[in-house]
């Protein structure tokens, strides 16, 4: 399961999520400190949830 959480694809998608999410928050007028705090919580959560989702999908498709 950790292979899916720490896979290259999942890490890249998590980084892309963090950049887009942080950019949207900045555009909405949040301070950089608020953005960093929020991204520091949201990005790892996103990465873990997407890794678990990919592991579940692989097990349903016979790949795990």
PDB file of N, CA and C in Angstrom:
ATOM      1  N   UNK A   1       0.826  -1.192   0.000  1.00  0.00           N
ATOM      2  CA  UNK A   1       0.000   0.000   0.000  1.00  0.00           C
ATOM      3  C   UNK A   1       0.871   1.256   0.000  1.00  0.00           C
ATOM      4  N   UNK A   2       1.975   1.224   0.747  1.00  0.00           N
ATOM      5  CA  UNK A   2       2.839   2.406   0.754  1.00  0.00           C
ATOM      6  C   UNK A   2       3.496   2.623  -0.605  1.00  0.00           C
ATOM      7  N   UNK A   3       3.569   1.557  -1.403  1.00  0.00           N
ATOM      8  CA  UNK A   3       4.117   1.726  -2.750  1.00  0.00           C
ATOM      9  C   UNK A   3       3.259   2.672  -3.569  1.00  0.00           C
ATOM     10  N   UNK A   4       1.968   2.660  -3.339  1.00  0.00           N
ATOM     11  CA  UNK A   4       1.074   3.570  -4.062  1.00  0.00           C
ATOM     12  C   UNK A   4       1.145   4.981  -3.494  1.00  0.00           C
ATOM     13  N   UNK A   5       1.285   5.097  -2.183  1.00  0.00           N
ATOM     14  CA  UNK A   5       1.352   6.425  -1.565  1.00  0.00           C
ATOM     15  C   UNK A   5       2.630   7.144  -1.984  1.00  0.00           C
ATOM     16  N   UNK A   6       3.740   6.418  -2.063  1.00  0.00           N
ATOM     17  CA  UNK A   6       5.025   7.029  -2.396  1.00  0.00           C
ATOM     18  C   UNK A   6       5.428   6.812  -3.848  1.00  0.00           C
ATOM     19  N   UNK A   7       4.465   6.461  -4.696  1.00  0.00           N
ATOM     20  CA  UNK A   7       4.782   6.280  -6.107  1.00  0.00           C
ATOM     21  C   UNK A   7       5.115   7.625  -6.744  1.00  0.00           C
ATOM     22  N   UNK A   8       5.880   7.561  -7.788  1.00  0.00           N
ATOM     23  CA  UNK A   8       6.294   8.794  -8.478  1.00  0.00           C
ATOM     24  C   UNK A   8       5.083   9.578  -8.980  1.00  0.00           C
ATOM     25  N   UNK A   9       4.121   8.883  -9.552  1.00  0.00           N
ATOM     26  CA  UNK A   9       2.923   9.545 -10.076  1.00  0.00           C
ATOM     27  C   UNK A   9       2.156  10.246  -8.971  1.00  0.00           C
ATOM     28  N   UNK A  10       2.009   9.598  -7.832  1.00  0.00           N
ATOM     29  CA  UNK A  10       1.266  10.197  -6.727  1.00  0.00           C
ATOM     30  C   UNK A  10       2.003  11.405  -6.155  1.00  0.00           C
ATOM     31  N   UNK A  11       3.317  11.325  -6.054  1.00  0.00           N
ATOM     32  CA  UNK A  11       4.085  12.462  -5.538  1.00  0.00           C
ATOM     33  C   UNK A  11       4.008  13.661  -6.482  1.00  0.00           C
ATOM     34  N   UNK A  12       4.054  13.400  -7.783  1.00  0.00           N
ATOM     35  CA  UNK A  12       3.947  14.492  -8.754  1.00  0.00           C
ATOM     36  C   UNK A  12       2.560  15.113  -8.703  1.00  0.00           C
ATOM     37  N   UNK A  13       1.519  14.283  -8.646  1.00  0.00           N
ATOM     38  CA  UNK A  13       0.161  14.837  -8.600  1.00  0.00           C
ATOM     39  C   UNK A  13      -0.074  15.605  -7.297  1.00  0.00           C
ATOM     40  N   UNK A  14       0.543  15.170  -6.210  1.00  0.00           N
ATOM     41  CA  UNK A  14       0.423  15.900  -4.947  1.00  0.00           C
ATOM     42  C   UNK A  14       1.113  17.259  -5.040  1.00  0.00           C
ATOM     43  N   UNK A  15       2.268  17.305  -5.679  1.00  0.00           N
ATOM     44  CA  UNK A  15       2.963  18.585  -5.859  1.00  0.00           C
ATOM     45  C   UNK A  15       2.154  19.529  -6.744  1.00  0.00           C
ATOM     46  N   UNK A  16       1.572  19.000  -7.804  1.00  0.00           N
ATOM     47  CA  UNK A  16       0.734  19.823  -8.683  1.00  0.00           C
ATOM     48  C   UNK A  16      -0.477  20.334  -7.914  1.00  0.00           C
ATOM     49  N   UNK A  17      -1.093  19.466  -7.109  1.00  0.00           N
ATOM     50  CA  UNK A  17      -2.224  19.887  -6.288  1.00  0.00           C
ATOM     51  C   UNK A  17      -1.821  21.023  -5.355  1.00  0.00           C
ATOM     52  N   UNK A  18      -0.668  20.896  -4.713  1.00  0.00           N
ATOM     53  CA  UNK A  18      -0.224  21.916  -3.756  1.00  0.00           C
ATOM     54  C   UNK A  18      -0.017  23.261  -4.442  1.00  0.00           C
ATOM     55  N   UNK A  19       0.566  23.243  -5.635  1.00  0.00           N
ATOM     56  CA  UNK A  19       0.809  24.494  -6.358  1.00  0.00           C
ATOM     57  C   UNK A  19      -0.505  25.138  -6.783  1.00  0.00           C
ATOM     58  N   UNK A  20      -1.409  24.344  -7.338  1.00  0.00           N
ATOM     59  CA  UNK A  20      -2.697  24.893  -7.786  1.00  0.00           C
ATOM     60  C   UNK A  20      -3.517  25.377  -6.598  1.00  0.00           C
ATOM     61  N   UNK A  21      -3.577  24.571  -5.555  1.00  0.00           N
ATOM     62  CA  UNK A  21      -4.344  24.931  -4.361  1.00  0.00           C
ATOM     63  C   UNK A  21      -3.791  26.204  -3.719  1.00  0.00           C
ATOM     64  N   UNK A  22      -2.475  26.283  -3.589  1.00  0.00           N
ATOM     65  CA  UNK A  22      -1.857  27.474  -3.017  1.00  0.00           C
ATOM     66  C   UNK A  22      -2.070  28.702  -3.885  1.00  0.00           C
ATOM     67  N   UNK A  23      -1.987  28.525  -5.189  1.00  0.00           N
ATOM     68  CA  UNK A  23      -2.217  29.643  -6.098  1.00  0.00           C
ATOM     69  C   UNK A  23      -3.629  30.177  -6.016  1.00  0.00           C
ATOM     70  N   UNK A  24      -4.593  29.280  -5.943  1.00  0.00           N
ATOM     71  CA  UNK A  24      -5.991  29.707  -5.815  1.00  0.00           C
ATOM     72  C   UNK A  24      -6.195  30.452  -4.504  1.00  0.00           C
ATOM     73  N   UNK A  25      -5.601  29.932  -3.429  1.00  0.00           N
ATOM     74  CA  UNK A  25      -5.752  30.614  -2.140  1.00  0.00           C
ATOM     75  C   UNK A  25      -5.131  32.007  -2.159  1.00  0.00           C
ATOM     76  N   UNK A  26      -3.978  32.143  -2.816  1.00  0.00           N
ATOM     77  CA  UNK A  26      -3.358  33.468  -2.923  1.00  0.00           C
ATOM     78  C   UNK A  26      -4.231  34.414  -3.739  1.00  0.00           C
ATOM     79  N   UNK A  27      -4.799  33.902  -4.831  1.00  0.00           N
ATOM     80  CA  UNK A  27      -5.674  34.736  -5.659  1.00  0.00           C
ATOM     81  C   UNK A  27      -6.928  35.164  -4.910  1.00  0.00           C
ATOM     82  N   UNK A  28      -7.357  34.354  -3.964  1.00  0.00           N
ATOM     83  CA  UNK A  28      -8.542  34.697  -3.183  1.00  0.00           C
ATOM     84  C   UNK A  28      -8.232  35.680  -2.053  1.00  0.00           C
ATOM     85  N   UNK A  29      -6.963  36.049  -1.920  1.00  0.00           N
ATOM     86  CA  UNK A  29      -6.615  37.096  -0.967  1.00  0.00           C
ATOM     87  C   UNK A  29      -6.085  36.628   0.373  1.00  0.00           C
ATOM     88  N   UNK A  30      -5.760  35.359   0.502  1.00  0.00           N
ATOM     89  CA  UNK A  30      -5.180  34.880   1.757  1.00  0.00           C
ATOM     90  C   UNK A  30      -3.723  35.318   1.859  1.00  0.00           C
ATOM     91  N   UNK A  31      -3.248  35.460   3.078  1.00  0.00           N
ATOM     92  CA  UNK A  31      -1.847  35.834   3.284  1.00  0.00           C
ATOM     93  C   UNK A  31      -0.956  34.624   3.002  1.00  0.00           C
ATOM     94  N   UNK A  32       0.302  34.873   2.621  1.00  0.00           N
ATOM     95  CA  UNK A  32       1.207  33.747   2.364  1.00  0.00           C
ATOM     96  C   UNK A  32       1.338  32.794   3.552  1.00  0.00           C
ATOM     97  N   UNK A  33       1.299  33.323   4.776  1.00  0.00           N
ATOM     98  CA  UNK A  33       1.398  32.465   5.949  1.00  0.00           C
ATOM     99  C   UNK A  33       0.191  31.533   6.048  1.00  0.00           C
ATOM    100  N   UNK A  34      -0.993  32.056   5.775  1.00  0.00           N
ATOM    101  CA  UNK A  34      -2.200  31.224   5.795  1.00  0.00           C
ATOM    102  C   UNK A  34      -2.145  30.161   4.702  1.00  0.00           C
ATOM    103  N   UNK A  35      -1.635  30.556   3.544  1.00  0.00           N
ATOM    104  CA  UNK A  35      -1.530  29.611   2.428  1.00  0.00           C
ATOM    105  C   UNK A  35      -0.557  28.487   2.771  1.00  0.00           C
ATOM    106  N   UNK A  36       0.606  28.837   3.310  1.00  0.00           N
ATOM    107  CA  UNK A  36       1.590  27.810   3.671  1.00  0.00           C
ATOM    108  C   UNK A  36       1.045  26.848   4.721  1.00  0.00           C
ATOM    109  N   UNK A  37       0.342  27.385   5.692  1.00  0.00           N
ATOM    110  CA  UNK A  37      -0.242  26.536   6.732  1.00  0.00           C
ATOM    111  C   UNK A  37      -1.277  25.591   6.141  1.00  0.00           C
ATOM    112  N   UNK A  38      -2.126  26.115   5.288  1.00  0.00           N
ATOM    113  CA  UNK A  38      -3.179  25.304   4.696  1.00  0.00           C
ATOM    114  C   UNK A  38      -2.614  24.241   3.757  1.00  0.00           C
ATOM    115  N   UNK A  39      -1.641  24.623   2.941  1.00  0.00           N
ATOM    116  CA  UNK A  39      -1.027  23.668   2.015  1.00  0.00           C
ATOM    117  C   UNK A  39      -0.258  22.601   2.785  1.00  0.00           C
ATOM    118  N   UNK A  40       0.366  22.979   3.899  1.00  0.00           N
ATOM    119  CA  UNK A  40       1.109  22.009   4.712  1.00  0.00           C
ATOM    120  C   UNK A  40       0.195  20.936   5.289  1.00  0.00           C
ATOM    121  N   UNK A  41      -1.070  21.245   5.449  1.00  0.00           N
ATOM    122  CA  UNK A  41      -2.037  20.264   5.941  1.00  0.00           C
ATOM    123  C   UNK A  41      -2.709  19.536   4.780  1.00  0.00           C
ATOM    124  N   UNK A  42      -3.125  20.287   3.771  1.00  0.00           N
ATOM    125  CA  UNK A  42      -3.934  19.716   2.692  1.00  0.00           C
ATOM    126  C   UNK A  42      -3.134  18.817   1.752  1.00  0.00           C
ATOM    127  N   UNK A  43      -1.909  19.186   1.424  1.00  0.00           N
ATOM    128  CA  UNK A  43      -1.142  18.413   0.452  1.00  0.00           C
ATOM    129  C   UNK A  43      -0.813  16.996   0.941  1.00  0.00           C
ATOM    130  N   UNK A  44      -0.299  16.811   2.161  1.00  0.00           N
ATOM    131  CA  UNK A  44      -0.063  15.435   2.615  1.00  0.00           C
ATOM    132  C   UNK A  44      -1.354  14.618   2.730  1.00  0.00           C
ATOM    133  N   UNK A  45      -2.416  15.272   3.157  1.00  0.00           N
ATOM    134  CA  UNK A  45      -3.699  14.578   3.242  1.00  0.00           C
ATOM    135  C   UNK A  45      -4.150  14.124   1.860  1.00  0.00           C
ATOM    136  N   UNK A  46      -4.024  14.998   0.876  1.00  0.00           N
ATOM    137  CA  UNK A  46      -4.356  14.656  -0.504  1.00  0.00           C
ATOM    138  C   UNK A  46      -3.497  13.480  -0.976  1.00  0.00           C
ATOM    139  N   UNK A  47      -2.188  13.535  -0.703  1.00  0.00           N
ATOM    140  CA  UNK A  47      -1.291  12.474  -1.142  1.00  0.00           C
ATOM    141  C   UNK A  47      -1.644  11.122  -0.551  1.00  0.00           C
ATOM    142  N   UNK A  48      -1.956  11.094   0.735  1.00  0.00           N
ATOM    143  CA  UNK A  48      -2.318   9.828   1.385  1.00  0.00           C
ATOM    144  C   UNK A  48      -3.646   9.307   0.848  1.00  0.00           C
ATOM    145  N   UNK A  49      -4.630  10.181   0.735  1.00  0.00           N
ATOM    146  CA  UNK A  49      -5.938   9.738   0.242  1.00  0.00           C
ATOM    147  C   UNK A  49      -5.861   9.242  -1.198  1.00  0.00           C
ATOM    148  N   UNK A  50      -5.108   9.927  -2.046  1.00  0.00           N
ATOM    149  CA  UNK A  50      -4.980   9.477  -3.434  1.00  0.00           C
ATOM    150  C   UNK A  50      -4.184   8.173  -3.510  1.00  0.00           C
ATOM    151  N   UNK A  51      -3.179   8.005  -2.657  1.00  0.00           N
ATOM    152  CA  UNK A  51      -2.445   6.747  -2.625  1.00  0.00           C
ATOM    153  C   UNK A  51      -3.326   5.591  -2.200  1.00  0.00           C
ATOM    154  N   UNK A  52      -4.162   5.819  -1.193  1.00  0.00           N
ATOM    155  CA  UNK A  52      -5.098   4.776  -0.766  1.00  0.00           C
ATOM    156  C   UNK A  52      -6.120   4.479  -1.854  1.00  0.00           C
ATOM    157  N   UNK A  53      -6.586   5.521  -2.523  1.00  0.00           N
ATOM    158  CA  UNK A  53      -7.541   5.342  -3.623  1.00  0.00           C
ATOM    159  C   UNK A  53      -6.913   4.502  -4.740  1.00  0.00           C
ATOM    160  N   UNK A  54      -5.665   4.800  -5.110  1.00  0.00           N
ATOM    161  CA  UNK A  54      -4.996   4.040  -6.164  1.00  0.00           C
ATOM    162  C   UNK A  54      -4.733   2.600  -5.738  1.00  0.00           C
ATOM    163  N   UNK A  55      -4.411   2.372  -4.475  1.00  0.00           N
ATOM    164  CA  UNK A  55      -4.221   1.007  -3.981  1.00  0.00           C
ATOM    165  C   UNK A  55      -5.532   0.240  -4.032  1.00  0.00           C
ATOM    166  N   UNK A  56      -6.621   0.884  -3.659  1.00  0.00           N
ATOM    167  CA  UNK A  56      -7.928   0.230  -3.700  1.00  0.00           C
ATOM    168  C   UNK A  56      -8.312  -0.102  -5.139  1.00  0.00           C
ATOM    169  N   UNK A  57      -8.075   0.843  -6.056  1.00  0.00           N
ATOM    170  CA  UNK A  57      -8.402   0.599  -7.463  1.00  0.00           C
ATOM    171  C   UNK A  57      -7.574  -0.546  -8.023  1.00  0.00           C
ATOM    172  N   UNK A  58      -6.290  -0.603  -7.664  1.00  0.00           N
ATOM    173  CA  UNK A  58      -5.430  -1.678  -8.155  1.00  0.00           C
ATOM    174  C   UNK A  58      -5.892  -3.026  -7.617  1.00  0.00           C
ATOM    175  N   UNK A  59      -6.339  -3.063  -6.366  1.00  0.00           N
ATOM    176  CA  UNK A  59      -6.810  -4.327  -5.803  1.00  0.00           C
ATOM    177  C   UNK A  59      -8.111  -4.767  -6.464  1.00  0.00           C
ATOM    178  N   UNK A  60      -8.944  -3.822  -6.854  1.00  0.00           N
ATOM    179  CA  UNK A  60     -10.198  -4.155  -7.536  1.00  0.00           C
ATOM    180  C   UNK A  60      -9.941  -4.643  -8.961  1.00  0.00           C
ATOM    181  N   UNK A  61      -8.856  -4.142  -9.575  1.00  0.00           N
ATOM    182  CA  UNK A  61      -8.522  -4.524 -10.946  1.00  0.00           C
ATOM    183  C   UNK A  61      -7.599  -5.739 -11.000  1.00  0.00           C
ATOM    184  N   UNK A  62      -7.271  -6.306  -9.854  1.00  0.00           N
ATOM    185  CA  UNK A  62      -6.399  -7.472  -9.813  1.00  0.00           C
ATOM    186  C   UNK A  62      -4.920  -7.126  -9.874  1.00  0.00           C
ATOM    187  N   UNK A  63      -4.561  -5.880  -9.639  1.00  0.00           N
ATOM    188  CA  UNK A  63      -3.164  -5.479  -9.726  1.00  0.00           C
ATOM    189  C   UNK A  63      -2.463  -5.378  -8.392  1.00  0.00           C
ATOM    190  N   UNK A  64      -3.129  -5.701  -7.310  1.00  0.00           N
ATOM    191  CA  UNK A  64      -2.469  -5.525  -6.023  1.00  0.00           C
ATOM    192  C   UNK A  64      -2.896  -6.507  -5.089  1.00  0.00           C
TER     193      UNK A  64
END
